[in-house]
Amino acid sequence: MLSDWISELGHEPVGPAATEDAARRLIESTALGAAILDVSLAGGDSFALARGCQERTVPFAFATGHDRGSVPADFADAPVLPKPFTFDDVQQLLIELLR
């Protein structure tokens, strides 16, 4: 659904990535305009991926069904897209990330 909405908003989605390794490969090999990272990944979280985005100066946000407290203080400036989210939520987030 998120990929479809990103396309509808005129952007080219690069994911989703089903695993942390797949996401890391995308971050390392693709010129990304922005990234939306799900906090919870199978068997872990996306915080190492967020650090990879920071190293490459890729703006990113976290998507999560948990509260903001699930995001470490290291990423206090990162936007959070709360689940469940709407098309309008995604649109506003992309505007913010791509400024």
N, C-alpha and C. Protein backbone atom coordinates (compact mmCIF):
# COMPACT_ATOMS: atom_id res chain seq x y z
N MET A 1 0.82 -1.17 0.00
CA MET A 1 0.00 0.00 0.00
C MET A 1 0.88 1.26 0.00
N LEU A 2 1.90 1.28 0.86
CA LEU A 2 2.77 2.46 0.93
C LEU A 2 3.46 2.71 -0.40
N SER A 3 3.95 1.68 -1.03
CA SER A 3 4.59 1.84 -2.35
C SER A 3 3.62 2.40 -3.37
N ASP A 4 2.38 1.90 -3.34
CA ASP A 4 1.36 2.40 -4.27
C ASP A 4 1.10 3.89 -4.05
N TRP A 5 0.99 4.28 -2.80
CA TRP A 5 0.73 5.68 -2.49
C TRP A 5 1.90 6.56 -2.90
N ILE A 6 3.12 6.09 -2.67
CA ILE A 6 4.31 6.85 -3.08
C ILE A 6 4.28 7.06 -4.59
N SER A 7 3.92 6.02 -5.34
CA SER A 7 3.79 6.15 -6.79
C SER A 7 2.71 7.14 -7.17
N GLU A 8 1.56 7.05 -6.51
CA GLU A 8 0.45 7.97 -6.80
C GLU A 8 0.85 9.43 -6.56
N LEU A 9 1.79 9.64 -5.65
CA LEU A 9 2.26 10.99 -5.34
C LEU A 9 3.36 11.46 -6.29
N GLY A 10 3.66 10.63 -7.29
CA GLY A 10 4.61 11.03 -8.32
C GLY A 10 6.06 10.68 -8.04
N HIS A 11 6.28 9.80 -7.08
CA HIS A 11 7.65 9.39 -6.75
C HIS A 11 7.85 7.93 -7.13
N GLU A 12 9.10 7.51 -7.23
CA GLU A 12 9.41 6.14 -7.60
C GLU A 12 9.85 5.36 -6.37
N PRO A 13 8.99 4.47 -5.86
CA PRO A 13 9.39 3.68 -4.70
C PRO A 13 10.50 2.70 -5.06
N VAL A 14 11.40 2.49 -4.11
CA VAL A 14 12.53 1.59 -4.33
C VAL A 14 12.33 0.30 -3.55
N GLY A 15 11.38 0.23 -2.69
CA GLY A 15 11.13 -0.96 -1.89
C GLY A 15 9.76 -1.50 -2.20
N PRO A 16 9.23 -2.26 -1.31
CA PRO A 16 9.76 -2.51 0.02
C PRO A 16 10.88 -3.53 0.02
N ALA A 17 11.67 -3.48 1.05
CA ALA A 17 12.71 -4.47 1.27
C ALA A 17 12.22 -5.39 2.39
N ALA A 18 12.26 -6.69 2.16
CA ALA A 18 11.69 -7.65 3.10
C ALA A 18 12.62 -7.94 4.28
N THR A 19 13.90 -7.64 4.14
CA THR A 19 14.85 -7.94 5.21
C THR A 19 15.77 -6.74 5.44
N GLU A 20 16.45 -6.74 6.57
CA GLU A 20 17.41 -5.69 6.85
C GLU A 20 18.53 -5.68 5.81
N ASP A 21 19.01 -6.86 5.44
CA ASP A 21 20.07 -6.94 4.43
C ASP A 21 19.63 -6.36 3.09
N ALA A 22 18.41 -6.69 2.68
CA ALA A 22 17.90 -6.16 1.41
C ALA A 22 17.78 -4.64 1.48
N ALA A 23 17.30 -4.14 2.60
CA ALA A 23 17.18 -2.68 2.77
C ALA A 23 18.56 -2.03 2.76
N ARG A 24 19.52 -2.62 3.45
CA ARG A 24 20.87 -2.07 3.47
C ARG A 24 21.45 -1.99 2.06
N ARG A 25 21.24 -3.04 1.27
CA ARG A 25 21.73 -3.03 -0.12
C ARG A 25 21.09 -1.89 -0.91
N LEU A 26 19.80 -1.68 -0.72
CA LEU A 26 19.12 -0.58 -1.41
C LEU A 26 19.71 0.77 -1.00
N ILE A 27 19.90 0.96 0.30
CA ILE A 27 20.44 2.23 0.80
C ILE A 27 21.85 2.46 0.27
N GLU A 28 22.64 1.41 0.20
CA GLU A 28 24.03 1.55 -0.23
C GLU A 28 24.18 1.68 -1.74
N SER A 29 23.22 1.18 -2.51
CA SER A 29 23.42 1.12 -3.96
C SER A 29 22.48 2.00 -4.77
N THR A 30 21.58 2.70 -4.11
CA THR A 30 20.57 3.47 -4.82
C THR A 30 20.64 4.93 -4.40
N ALA A 31 20.47 5.82 -5.35
CA ALA A 31 20.40 7.25 -5.03
C ALA A 31 18.98 7.53 -4.52
N LEU A 32 18.83 7.54 -3.22
CA LEU A 32 17.51 7.73 -2.61
C LEU A 32 17.26 9.20 -2.32
N GLY A 33 16.03 9.64 -2.58
CA GLY A 33 15.64 10.99 -2.20
C GLY A 33 15.21 11.04 -0.75
N ALA A 34 14.67 9.93 -0.25
CA ALA A 34 14.21 9.82 1.13
C ALA A 34 13.93 8.35 1.41
N ALA A 35 13.80 8.04 2.70
CA ALA A 35 13.50 6.66 3.10
C ALA A 35 12.47 6.68 4.22
N ILE A 36 11.56 5.70 4.16
CA ILE A 36 10.63 5.46 5.25
C ILE A 36 10.97 4.08 5.79
N LEU A 37 11.42 4.04 7.03
CA LEU A 37 11.91 2.80 7.64
C LEU A 37 10.92 2.32 8.69
N ASP A 38 10.48 1.08 8.57
CA ASP A 38 9.64 0.50 9.61
C ASP A 38 10.53 0.19 10.80
N VAL A 39 10.15 0.67 11.97
CA VAL A 39 10.97 0.45 13.17
C VAL A 39 11.18 -1.04 13.40
N SER A 40 10.12 -1.83 13.30
CA SER A 40 10.20 -3.25 13.59
C SER A 40 10.46 -4.05 12.32
N LEU A 41 11.57 -4.76 12.34
CA LEU A 41 11.89 -5.68 11.25
C LEU A 41 11.88 -7.09 11.82
N ALA A 42 11.70 -8.07 10.97
CA ALA A 42 11.73 -9.46 11.44
C ALA A 42 13.05 -9.70 12.16
N GLY A 43 12.96 -9.98 13.44
CA GLY A 43 14.15 -10.29 14.21
C GLY A 43 14.96 -9.08 14.64
N GLY A 44 14.44 -7.88 14.49
CA GLY A 44 15.23 -6.72 14.90
C GLY A 44 14.52 -5.40 14.66
N ASP A 45 15.34 -4.37 14.40
CA ASP A 45 14.80 -3.04 14.17
C ASP A 45 15.58 -2.38 13.02
N SER A 46 15.20 -1.17 12.69
CA SER A 46 15.79 -0.50 11.52
C SER A 46 16.78 0.60 11.90
N PHE A 47 17.28 0.61 13.13
CA PHE A 47 18.13 1.71 13.57
C PHE A 47 19.49 1.71 12.88
N ALA A 48 20.04 0.56 12.56
CA ALA A 48 21.29 0.52 11.79
C ALA A 48 21.05 1.08 10.38
N LEU A 49 19.88 0.82 9.84
CA LEU A 49 19.54 1.36 8.52
C LEU A 49 19.43 2.88 8.58
N ALA A 50 18.86 3.38 9.67
CA ALA A 50 18.76 4.83 9.84
C ALA A 50 20.15 5.46 9.90
N ARG A 51 21.08 4.80 10.57
CA ARG A 51 22.46 5.31 10.61
C ARG A 51 23.07 5.33 9.21
N GLY A 52 22.76 4.31 8.42
CA GLY A 52 23.22 4.29 7.03
C GLY A 52 22.65 5.45 6.23
N CYS A 53 21.40 5.78 6.47
CA CYS A 53 20.79 6.94 5.80
C CYS A 53 21.49 8.22 6.25
N GLN A 54 21.75 8.34 7.55
CA GLN A 54 22.44 9.53 8.05
C GLN A 54 23.81 9.68 7.39
N GLU A 55 24.55 8.59 7.28
CA GLU A 55 25.89 8.63 6.67
C GLU A 55 25.82 9.09 5.23
N ARG A 56 24.75 8.78 4.54
CA ARG A 56 24.59 9.14 3.13
C ARG A 56 23.75 10.40 2.95
N THR A 57 23.44 11.06 4.03
CA THR A 57 22.59 12.26 4.06
C THR A 57 21.25 12.06 3.34
N VAL A 58 20.67 10.90 3.54
CA VAL A 58 19.34 10.59 3.00
C VAL A 58 18.32 10.92 4.10
N PRO A 59 17.40 11.85 3.84
CA PRO A 59 16.37 12.12 4.84
C PRO A 59 15.50 10.87 5.04
N PHE A 60 15.13 10.62 6.28
CA PHE A 60 14.35 9.42 6.56
C PHE A 60 13.35 9.68 7.67
N ALA A 61 12.38 8.79 7.74
CA ALA A 61 11.38 8.80 8.80
C ALA A 61 11.17 7.36 9.23
N PHE A 62 10.66 7.20 10.43
CA PHE A 62 10.30 5.88 10.93
C PHE A 62 8.80 5.70 10.86
N ALA A 63 8.37 4.52 10.44
CA ALA A 63 6.97 4.14 10.53
C ALA A 63 6.87 3.15 11.70
N THR A 64 5.90 3.37 12.57
CA THR A 64 5.78 2.48 13.72
C THR A 64 4.36 2.48 14.27
N GLY A 65 3.98 1.35 14.80
CA GLY A 65 2.72 1.22 15.51
C GLY A 65 2.88 1.49 16.98
N HIS A 66 4.11 1.76 17.40
CA HIS A 66 4.40 2.07 18.80
C HIS A 66 4.51 3.58 18.97
N ASP A 67 4.66 4.03 20.20
CA ASP A 67 4.78 5.47 20.41
C ASP A 67 6.19 5.95 20.08
N ARG A 68 6.37 7.24 20.09
CA ARG A 68 7.66 7.87 19.74
C ARG A 68 8.79 7.33 20.63
N GLY A 69 8.46 6.86 21.82
CA GLY A 69 9.46 6.32 22.74
C GLY A 69 10.15 5.08 22.20
N SER A 70 9.62 4.47 21.16
CA SER A 70 10.27 3.29 20.56
C SER A 70 11.45 3.69 19.68
N VAL A 71 11.63 4.99 19.47
CA VAL A 71 12.73 5.50 18.64
C VAL A 71 13.80 6.06 19.57
N PRO A 72 15.05 5.59 19.46
CA PRO A 72 16.11 6.07 20.34
C PRO A 72 16.35 7.58 20.22
N ALA A 73 16.86 8.15 21.28
CA ALA A 73 17.13 9.59 21.33
C ALA A 73 18.07 10.04 20.22
N ASP A 74 18.93 9.14 19.73
CA ASP A 74 19.84 9.46 18.62
C ASP A 74 19.07 9.98 17.40
N PHE A 75 17.82 9.59 17.29
CA PHE A 75 17.01 9.93 16.13
C PHE A 75 15.85 10.85 16.49
N ALA A 76 16.05 11.67 17.50
CA ALA A 76 14.98 12.55 17.99
C ALA A 76 14.46 13.49 16.91
N ASP A 77 15.30 13.84 15.95
CA ASP A 77 14.88 14.76 14.89
C ASP A 77 14.17 14.06 13.73
N ALA A 78 14.19 12.75 13.72
CA ALA A 78 13.57 12.01 12.62
C ALA A 78 12.05 12.02 12.77
N PRO A 79 11.34 12.32 11.70
CA PRO A 79 9.88 12.25 11.77
C PRO A 79 9.42 10.82 12.03
N VAL A 80 8.26 10.69 12.63
CA VAL A 80 7.65 9.38 12.88
C VAL A 80 6.29 9.36 12.20
N LEU A 81 6.05 8.33 11.41
CA LEU A 81 4.78 8.10 10.74
C LEU A 81 4.03 7.05 11.55
N PRO A 82 3.05 7.47 12.36
CA PRO A 82 2.36 6.50 13.21
C PRO A 82 1.43 5.60 12.41
N LYS A 83 1.43 4.32 12.76
CA LYS A 83 0.51 3.37 12.15
C LYS A 83 -0.76 3.31 12.99
N PRO A 84 -1.91 3.15 12.40
CA PRO A 84 -2.12 3.12 10.96
C PRO A 84 -2.05 4.54 10.39
N PHE A 85 -1.54 4.64 9.18
CA PHE A 85 -1.42 5.96 8.55
C PHE A 85 -2.31 6.02 7.32
N THR A 86 -2.54 7.23 6.86
CA THR A 86 -3.41 7.46 5.71
C THR A 86 -2.59 8.00 4.54
N PHE A 87 -3.23 8.07 3.40
CA PHE A 87 -2.60 8.65 2.21
C PHE A 87 -2.13 10.08 2.51
N ASP A 88 -2.99 10.86 3.16
CA ASP A 88 -2.64 12.24 3.49
C ASP A 88 -1.44 12.31 4.43
N ASP A 89 -1.34 11.37 5.38
CA ASP A 89 -0.18 11.32 6.28
C ASP A 89 1.10 11.10 5.48
N VAL A 90 1.05 10.19 4.52
CA VAL A 90 2.22 9.88 3.70
C VAL A 90 2.58 11.09 2.84
N GLN A 91 1.58 11.73 2.28
CA GLN A 91 1.82 12.91 1.45
C GLN A 91 2.52 14.00 2.27
N GLN A 92 2.03 14.28 3.46
CA GLN A 92 2.65 15.31 4.30
C GLN A 92 4.06 14.92 4.70
N LEU A 93 4.27 13.65 5.00
CA LEU A 93 5.60 13.18 5.38
C LEU A 93 6.58 13.37 4.22
N LEU A 94 6.18 13.01 3.02
CA LEU A 94 7.08 13.15 1.87
C LEU A 94 7.40 14.62 1.60
N ILE A 95 6.42 15.49 1.76
CA ILE A 95 6.68 16.93 1.61
C ILE A 95 7.76 17.34 2.60
N GLU A 96 7.63 16.91 3.85
CA GLU A 96 8.60 17.25 4.88
C GLU A 96 9.99 16.68 4.57
N LEU A 97 10.04 15.41 4.18
CA LEU A 97 11.33 14.77 3.92
C LEU A 97 12.05 15.34 2.70
N LEU A 98 11.28 15.75 1.71
CA LEU A 98 11.89 16.17 0.43
C LEU A 98 12.10 17.69 0.33
N ARG A 99 11.87 18.41 1.41
CA ARG A 99 12.11 19.87 1.42
C ARG A 99 13.55 20.17 1.14
